[in-house]
C-alpha atoms as a PDB file:
ATOM      1  CA  GLY A   1     -69.084  47.690  40.506  1.00  0.00           C
ATOM      2  CA  GLU A   2     -72.312  45.910  39.544  1.00  0.00           C
ATOM      3  CA  LEU A   3     -74.891  47.500  37.243  1.00  0.00           C
ATOM      4  CA  SER A   4     -77.606  45.693  39.191  1.00  0.00           C
ATOM      5  CA  LYS A   5     -76.799  48.038  42.075  1.00  0.00           C
ATOM      6  CA  LEU A   6     -76.054  51.248  40.168  1.00  0.00           C
ATOM      7  CA  SER A   7     -77.560  51.887  36.739  1.00  0.00           C
ATOM      8  CA  PRO A   8     -75.591  53.429  33.860  1.00  0.00           C
ATOM      9  CA  SER A   9     -77.826  56.510  33.881  1.00  0.00           C
ATOM     10  CA  ARG A  10     -77.222  57.120  37.600  1.00  0.00           C
ATOM     11  CA  LEU A  11     -73.505  56.525  37.120  1.00  0.00           C
ATOM     12  CA  LEU A  12     -73.285  59.115  34.364  1.00  0.00           C
ATOM     13  CA  LEU A  13     -75.285  61.683  36.308  1.00  0.00           C
ATOM     14  CA  MET A  14     -73.140  61.158  39.399  1.00  0.00           C
ATOM     15  CA  LEU A  15     -69.923  61.510  37.385  1.00  0.00           C
ATOM     16  CA  HIS A  16     -71.378  64.614  35.743  1.00  0.00           C
ATOM     17  CA  GLU A  17     -72.096  66.160  39.139  1.00  0.00           C
ATOM     18  CA  GLN A  18     -68.549  65.345  40.250  1.00  0.00           C
ATOM     19  CA  ARG A  19     -67.195  66.949  37.047  1.00  0.00           C
ATOM     20  CA  ALA A  20     -65.203  63.771  36.586  1.00  0.00           C
ATOM     21  CA  THR A  21     -62.630  63.320  33.850  1.00  0.00           C
ATOM     22  CA  GLY A  22     -61.861  59.784  32.770  1.00  0.00           C
ATOM     23  CA  ARG A  23     -63.230  56.652  31.126  1.00  0.00           C
ATOM     24  CA  LEU A  24     -66.278  54.691  32.222  1.00  0.00           C
ATOM     25  CA  VAL A  25     -66.286  51.111  30.940  1.00  0.00           C
ATOM     26  CA  LEU A  26     -69.560  49.175  30.896  1.00  0.00           C
ATOM     27  CA  CYS A  27     -69.592  45.417  30.265  1.00  0.00           C
ATOM     28  CA  LYS A  28     -72.555  43.135  29.709  1.00  0.00           C
ATOM     29  CA  GLY A  29     -71.657  39.663  28.578  1.00  0.00           C
ATOM     30  CA  ARG A  30     -69.437  40.062  25.537  1.00  0.00           C
ATOM     31  CA  VAL A  31     -70.552  43.640  24.913  1.00  0.00           C
ATOM     32  CA  GLU A  32     -68.215  46.373  26.106  1.00  0.00           C
ATOM     33  CA  LYS A  33     -68.687  50.121  25.843  1.00  0.00           C
ATOM     34  CA  SER A  34     -66.308  52.883  26.889  1.00  0.00           C
ATOM     35  CA  ILE A  35     -67.615  56.358  27.665  1.00  0.00           C
ATOM     36  CA  ASP A  36     -65.172  59.271  27.880  1.00  0.00           C
ATOM     37  CA  LEU A  37     -65.877  62.231  30.147  1.00  0.00           C
ATOM     38  CA  ALA A  38     -64.122  65.576  30.526  1.00  0.00           C
ATOM     39  CA  SER A  39     -65.219  67.709  33.477  1.00  0.00           C
ATOM     40  CA  GLY A  40     -68.420  65.668  33.588  1.00  0.00           C
ATOM     41  CA  LEU A  41     -69.275  66.201  29.917  1.00  0.00           C
ATOM     42  CA  LEU A  42     -69.600  63.320  27.463  1.00  0.00           C
ATOM     43  CA  VAL A  43     -66.817  63.684  24.895  1.00  0.00           C
ATOM     44  CA  GLY A  44     -66.629  60.263  23.262  1.00  0.00           C
ATOM     45  CA  ALA A  45     -67.782  56.670  23.276  1.00  0.00           C
ATOM     46  CA  SER A  46     -66.618  53.411  21.755  1.00  0.00           C
ATOM     47  CA  SER A  47     -68.191  49.990  21.417  1.00  0.00           C
ATOM     48  CA  ASN A  48     -67.029  46.532  20.393  1.00  0.00           C
ATOM     49  CA  GLN A  49     -70.274  46.005  18.465  1.00  0.00           C
ATOM     50  CA  ARG A  50     -69.924  46.025  14.675  1.00  0.00           C
ATOM     51  CA  ALA A  51     -73.418  47.483  14.296  1.00  0.00           C
ATOM     52  CA  GLU A  52     -72.262  50.589  16.170  1.00  0.00           C
ATOM     53  CA  THR A  53     -69.299  51.413  13.938  1.00  0.00           C
ATOM     54  CA  LEU A  54     -69.749  54.692  12.082  1.00  0.00           C
ATOM     55  CA  GLY A  55     -70.390  53.128   8.690  1.00  0.00           C
ATOM     56  CA  GLN A  56     -72.887  50.554   9.906  1.00  0.00           C
ATOM     57  CA  PHE A  57     -74.621  53.184  12.020  1.00  0.00           C
ATOM     58  CA  LEU A  58     -74.986  55.575   9.072  1.00  0.00           C
ATOM     59  CA  VAL A  59     -76.284  52.819   6.794  1.00  0.00           C
ATOM     60  CA  ALA A  60     -78.812  51.719   9.427  1.00  0.00           C
ATOM     61  CA  SER A  61     -79.839  55.371   9.844  1.00  0.00           C
ATOM     62  CA  ARG A  62     -80.260  55.641   6.048  1.00  0.00           C
ATOM     63  CA  VAL A  63     -77.722  58.415   5.830  1.00  0.00           C
ATOM     64  CA  LEU A  64     -75.586  56.244   3.541  1.00  0.00           C
ATOM     65  CA  SER A  65     -76.424  53.581   1.002  1.00  0.00           C
ATOM     66  CA  ALA A  66     -74.620  50.243   1.137  1.00  0.00           C
ATOM     67  CA  GLU A  67     -72.785  51.246  -2.031  1.00  0.00           C
ATOM     68  CA  GLN A  68     -71.556  54.535  -0.546  1.00  0.00           C
ATOM     69  CA  HIS A  69     -70.425  52.678   2.573  1.00  0.00           C
ATOM     70  CA  ALA A  70     -68.462  50.203   0.447  1.00  0.00           C
ATOM     71  CA  ASP A  71     -66.843  53.019  -1.563  1.00  0.00           C
ATOM     72  CA  ALA A  72     -65.736  54.780   1.632  1.00  0.00           C
ATOM     73  CA  LEU A  73     -64.313  51.561   3.067  1.00  0.00           C
ATOM     74  CA  THR A  74     -62.334  50.965  -0.122  1.00  0.00           C
ATOM     75  CA  LEU A  75     -60.924  54.496  -0.158  1.00  0.00           C
ATOM     76  CA  ALA A  76     -60.055  54.398   3.549  1.00  0.00           C
ATOM     77  CA  ALA A  77     -58.295  51.045   3.244  1.00  0.00           C
ATOM     78  CA  GLY A  78     -56.426  51.961   0.071  1.00  0.00           C
ATOM     79  CA  GLY A  79     -55.438  55.466   1.056  1.00  0.00           C
ATOM     80  CA  GLY A  80     -54.619  54.889   4.713  1.00  0.00           C
ATOM     81  CA  THR A  81     -57.177  57.465   5.791  1.00  0.00           C
ATOM     82  CA  ARG A  82     -59.933  57.365   8.390  1.00  0.00           C
ATOM     83  CA  TYR A  83     -63.389  56.292   7.340  1.00  0.00           C
ATOM     84  CA  GLY A  84     -64.944  59.663   8.140  1.00  0.00           C
ATOM     85  CA  GLN A  85     -62.359  61.499   6.067  1.00  0.00           C
ATOM     86  CA  ALA A  86     -63.044  59.107   3.205  1.00  0.00           C
ATOM     87  CA  LEU A  87     -66.718  60.115   3.317  1.00  0.00           C
ATOM     88  CA  ILE A  88     -65.667  63.763   3.022  1.00  0.00           C
ATOM     89  CA  ASP A  89     -63.181  63.057   0.224  1.00  0.00           C
ATOM     90  CA  LEU A  90     -65.904  61.264  -1.732  1.00  0.00           C
ATOM     91  CA  ARG A  91     -68.193  64.259  -1.152  1.00  0.00           C
ATOM     92  CA  ILE A  92     -70.789  62.032   0.441  1.00  0.00           C
ATOM     93  CA  VAL A  93     -70.899  64.274   3.511  1.00  0.00           C
ATOM     94  CA  THR A  94     -69.421  67.620   4.488  1.00  0.00           C
ATOM     95  CA  ALA A  95     -67.148  68.129   7.477  1.00  0.00           C
ATOM     96  CA  THR A  96     -70.080  69.733   9.292  1.00  0.00           C
ATOM     97  CA  ASP A  97     -72.315  66.766   8.474  1.00  0.00           C
ATOM     98  CA  LEU A  98     -69.643  64.361   9.719  1.00  0.00           C
ATOM     99  CA  ALA A  99     -69.302  66.172  13.060  1.00  0.00           C
ATOM    100  CA  ARG A 100     -73.072  66.006  13.547  1.00  0.00           C
ATOM    101  CA  HIS A 101     -73.224  62.316  12.646  1.00  0.00           C
ATOM    102  CA  LEU A 102     -70.344  61.498  14.990  1.00  0.00           C
ATOM    103  CA  ALA A 103     -72.155  63.226  17.849  1.00  0.00           C
ATOM    104  CA  THR A 104     -75.346  61.309  17.058  1.00  0.00           C
ATOM    105  CA  GLN A 105     -73.399  58.041  16.890  1.00  0.00           C
ATOM    106  CA  THR A 106     -71.786  58.760  20.254  1.00  0.00           C
ATOM    107  CA  GLY A 107     -75.184  59.423  21.776  1.00  0.00           C
ATOM    108  CA  HIS A 108     -76.535  56.186  20.318  1.00  0.00           C
ATOM    109  CA  LYS A 109     -73.719  54.123  21.836  1.00  0.00           C
ATOM    110  CA  VAL A 110     -74.443  55.571  25.262  1.00  0.00           C
ATOM    111  CA  ALA A 111     -78.242  55.527  24.991  1.00  0.00           C
ATOM    112  CA  THR A 112     -78.355  51.816  24.137  1.00  0.00           C
ATOM    113  CA  ALA A 113     -76.523  50.992  27.388  1.00  0.00           C
ATOM    114  CA  LEU A 114     -78.545  53.167  29.771  1.00  0.00           C
ATOM    115  CA  ARG A 115     -81.106  50.469  30.549  1.00  0.00           C
ATOM    116  CA  TRP A 116     -78.631  47.697  31.277  1.00  0.00           C
ATOM    117  CA  THR A 117     -79.537  46.085  34.603  1.00  0.00           C
ATOM    118  CA  THR A 118     -76.831  43.425  34.610  1.00  0.00           C
ATOM    119  CA  GLY A 119     -73.099  43.597  33.999  1.00  0.00           C
ATOM    120  CA  THR A 120     -70.214  45.521  35.490  1.00  0.00           C
ATOM    121  CA  PHE A 121     -68.732  48.991  35.414  1.00  0.00           C
ATOM    122  CA  ALA A 122     -65.363  50.567  36.123  1.00  0.00           C
ATOM    123  CA  PHE A 123     -64.305  54.203  36.045  1.00  0.00           C
ATOM    124  CA  THR A 124     -60.666  55.162  35.528  1.00  0.00           C
ATOM    125  CA  PRO A 125     -59.614  58.815  35.916  1.00  0.00           C
ATOM    126  CA  ASP A 126     -57.705  60.094  32.891  1.00  0.00           C
ATOM    127  CA  GLU A 127     -56.770  63.766  32.856  1.00  0.00           C
ATOM    128  CA  THR A 128     -55.479  63.554  29.285  1.00  0.00           C
ATOM    129  CA  LEU A 129     -59.122  63.613  28.169  1.00  0.00           C
ATOM    130  CA  ALA A 130     -59.399  67.146  29.552  1.00  0.00           C
ATOM    131  CA  GLU A 131     -56.532  68.320  27.374  1.00  0.00           C
ATOM    132  CA  ALA A 132     -58.063  67.434  24.019  1.00  0.00           C
ATOM    133  CA  ALA A 133     -60.420  69.714  22.099  1.00  0.00           C
ATOM    134  CA  HIS A 134     -64.005  68.469  22.303  1.00  0.00           C
ATOM    135  CA  ALA A 135     -66.179  70.366  19.841  1.00  0.00           C
ATOM    136  CA  GLN A 136     -69.036  67.882  20.231  1.00  0.00           C
ATOM    137  CA  ALA A 137     -69.097  67.601  24.043  1.00  0.00           C
ATOM    138  CA  MET A 138     -72.562  66.726  25.382  1.00  0.00           C
ATOM    139  CA  ASP A 139     -74.160  67.377  28.751  1.00  0.00           C
ATOM    140  CA  PRO A 140     -75.322  63.997  30.148  1.00  0.00           C
ATOM    141  CA  ALA A 141     -77.832  65.673  32.461  1.00  0.00           C
ATOM    142  CA  ALA A 142     -79.548  67.245  29.447  1.00  0.00           C
ATOM    143  CA  GLU A 143     -79.373  64.185  27.184  1.00  0.00           C
ATOM    144  CA  ILE A 144     -80.169  61.266  29.524  1.00  0.00           C
ATOM    145  CA  PRO A 145     -83.894  62.079  30.013  1.00  0.00           C
ATOM    146  CA  ARG A 146     -84.424  62.125  26.256  1.00  0.00           C
ATOM    147  CA  TRP A 147     -82.385  58.961  25.711  1.00  0.00           C
ATOM    148  CA  LEU A 148     -84.342  57.129  28.401  1.00  0.00           C
ATOM    149  CA  ARG A 149     -87.664  58.284  26.964  1.00  0.00           C
ATOM    150  CA  ASP A 150     -86.723  57.306  23.417  1.00  0.00           C
ATOM    151  CA  SER A 151     -85.394  53.873  24.442  1.00  0.00           C
ATOM    152  CA  ALA A 152     -88.333  52.961  26.685  1.00  0.00           C
ATOM    153  CA  ASP A 153     -90.371  49.816  26.107  1.00  0.00           C
ATOM    154  CA  LEU A 154     -93.964  50.742  26.920  1.00  0.00           C
ATOM    155  CA  ASN A 155     -94.909  47.271  28.184  1.00  0.00           C
ATOM    156  CA  ASP A 156     -91.870  47.099  30.477  1.00  0.00           C
ATOM    157  CA  ALA A 157     -92.570  50.618  31.745  1.00  0.00           C
ATOM    158  CA  ALA A 158     -96.194  49.717  32.472  1.00  0.00           C
ATOM    159  CA  ASP A 159     -95.127  46.602  34.401  1.00  0.00           C
ATOM    160  CA  THR A 160     -92.691  48.666  36.470  1.00  0.00           C
ATOM    161  CA  CYS A 161     -95.401  51.206  37.269  1.00  0.00           C
ATOM    162  CA  ARG A 162     -97.856  48.543  38.347  1.00  0.00           C
ATOM    163  CA  ARG A 163     -95.313  47.266  40.849  1.00  0.00           C
ATOM    164  CA  VAL A 164     -95.192  50.774  42.323  1.00  0.00           C
ATOM    165  CA  GLY A 165     -98.867  50.387  43.205  1.00  0.00           C
ATOM    166  CA  GLU A 166    -100.886  53.250  44.651  1.00  0.00           C
ATOM    167  CA  LYS A 167     -98.384  54.738  47.064  1.00  0.00           C
ATOM    168  CA  PRO A 168     -97.640  58.460  46.582  1.00  0.00           C
ATOM    169  CA  LEU A 169     -94.885  58.938  44.022  1.00  0.00           C
ATOM    170  CA  ALA A 170     -91.618  60.714  44.770  1.00  0.00           C
ATOM    171  CA  MET A 171     -88.754  61.673  42.500  1.00  0.00           C
ATOM    172  CA  THR A 172     -85.263  60.524  43.319  1.00  0.00           C
ATOM    173  CA  ALA A 173     -82.912  63.123  44.770  1.00  0.00           C
ATOM    174  CA  LEU A 174     -80.739  62.815  41.668  1.00  0.00           C
ATOM    175  CA  GLY A 175     -83.685  63.483  39.380  1.00  0.00           C
ATOM    176  CA  THR A 176     -84.780  66.452  41.470  1.00  0.00           C
ATOM    177  CA  ARG A 177     -81.353  68.070  41.160  1.00  0.00           C
ATOM    178  CA  HIS A 178     -81.686  67.948  37.372  1.00  0.00           C
ATOM    179  CA  ILE A 179     -85.382  68.789  37.241  1.00  0.00           C
ATOM    180  CA  GLU A 180     -85.052  71.252  34.329  1.00  0.00           C
ATOM    181  CA  ALA A 181     -83.846  68.530  31.973  1.00  0.00           C
ATOM    182  CA  TRP A 182     -86.715  66.209  32.914  1.00  0.00           C
ATOM    183  CA  VAL A 183     -89.245  69.022  32.478  1.00  0.00           C
ATOM    184  CA  ALA A 184     -87.916  69.656  28.970  1.00  0.00           C
ATOM    185  CA  VAL A 185     -88.637  66.024  28.049  1.00  0.00           C
ATOM    186  CA  PHE A 186     -91.774  65.125  30.035  1.00  0.00           C
ATOM    187  CA  GLY A 187     -93.427  68.528  30.522  1.00  0.00           C
ATOM    188  CA  ALA A 188     -93.828  70.785  33.533  1.00  0.00           C
ATOM    189  CA  LYS A 189     -97.400  69.768  34.404  1.00  0.00           C
ATOM    190  CA  LEU A 190     -96.669  66.043  34.658  1.00  0.00           C
ATOM    191  CA  LEU A 191     -93.475  66.683  36.621  1.00  0.00           C
ATOM    192  CA  ARG A 192     -95.307  68.948  39.087  1.00  0.00           C
ATOM    193  CA  ALA A 193     -97.868  66.224  39.728  1.00  0.00           C
ATOM    194  CA  ILE A 194     -95.158  63.637  40.388  1.00  0.00           C
ATOM    195  CA  ARG A 195     -93.271  65.981  42.708  1.00  0.00           C
ATOM    196  CA  ARG A 196     -96.485  66.674  44.649  1.00  0.00           C
ATOM    197  CA  GLY A 197     -96.741  62.960  45.394  1.00  0.00           C
ATOM    198  CA  ALA A 198     -99.601  62.016  43.081  1.00  0.00           C
ATOM    199  CA  THR A 199    -100.564  58.352  42.828  1.00  0.00           C
ATOM    200  CA  LEU A 200    -100.270  56.381  39.612  1.00  0.00           C
ATOM    201  CA  SER A 201    -104.068  56.222  39.181  1.00  0.00           C
ATOM    202  CA  ALA A 202    -104.310  60.012  39.616  1.00  0.00           C
ATOM    203  CA  LEU A 203    -101.711  60.542  36.906  1.00  0.00           C
ATOM    204  CA  LEU A 204    -103.435  58.113  34.545  1.00  0.00           C
ATOM    205  CA  ALA A 205    -106.720  59.977  35.042  1.00  0.00           C
ATOM    206  CA  GLU A 206    -105.129  63.254  33.954  1.00  0.00           C
ATOM    207  CA  PHE A 207    -102.370  62.378  31.469  1.00  0.00           C
ATOM    208  CA  GLU A 208    -101.825  60.073  28.497  1.00  0.00           C
ATOM    209  CA  SER A 209    -100.944  56.603  29.791  1.00  0.00           C
ATOM    210  CA  GLY A 210     -97.817  56.082  27.690  1.00  0.00           C
ATOM    211  CA  ALA A 211     -96.280  59.339  28.882  1.00  0.00           C
ATOM    212  CA  VAL A 212     -97.122  58.494  32.500  1.00  0.00           C
ATOM    213  CA  PHE A 213     -95.644  54.982  32.371  1.00  0.00           C
ATOM    214  CA  VAL A 214     -92.377  56.135  30.803  1.00  0.00           C
ATOM    215  CA  ALA A 215     -92.003  59.184  33.073  1.00  0.00           C
ATOM    216  CA  VAL A 216     -92.692  57.247  36.273  1.00  0.00           C
ATOM    217  CA  GLU A 217     -90.397  54.365  35.292  1.00  0.00           C
ATOM    218  CA  THR A 218     -87.629  56.840  34.520  1.00  0.00           C
ATOM    219  CA  LEU A 219     -88.014  59.230  37.445  1.00  0.00           C
ATOM    220  CA  VAL A 220     -89.234  57.358  40.505  1.00  0.00           C
END
C-alpha cells in the first residue's frame, strides 16, 4: 500500500487492534524499516540506516563514548560475539541496561518513521514471531501518542492547524478508541475540549499554543 493513503501510525494502531502477528515493512526512498508485531504488540524493529544501529544510537544518545563503541566493535569482531554482549563483557553496561537500551532503540526506529507521508508499506503475517519470548514488548497504542508528540515540528503542526480553519474539531474514530493513551500525553482538559468540538481559536484562547498545535495535528 501507499503511505500517502495510510500513515504508519494508523497502520500500527490498526494492526494492534487486530492483534496481528507478523512483519510490517515501511519503505521511503532507500530507507527501509521492518517492524515486528506479536498479537499486536511491538516486539522488534530493524533499519537499514547506519545511524540507527545499536552502537551509533548509543553514541548519539551519549550513553557510550566513541572509544567505548570502538572497543566493543573490536571485541565483537574478534570474539564472534554480538555487539550487545561485547558491551556487557567489557562492563560498559549491565544486562539490565542493555535490555532497556534495546527497547529505547526499537522505539526510536519506529518513532522516526511515524510521520512519513510518502513511500510504501507491506505487512506479512508470521506466526513464528508469536513463539519467541519478548521481554521488551511494547504497546503501540500507549507509545504512539508520545512518539508523535516528541517528533512533532511546531511550525509544520501550526501550518496543518491553520488549514483546519475554524470548523469544529473532531477526533478520529481510531483516536477515540484509544483515548486513554492520548489523555496521558496531552492532558484530559485539552482532550475534552477537542472531543466537544471546540474550534482552533477557542483552544488557543485557553491552552498553550504549542500544545494545541501538536495535539490537533496528531488527533484530528
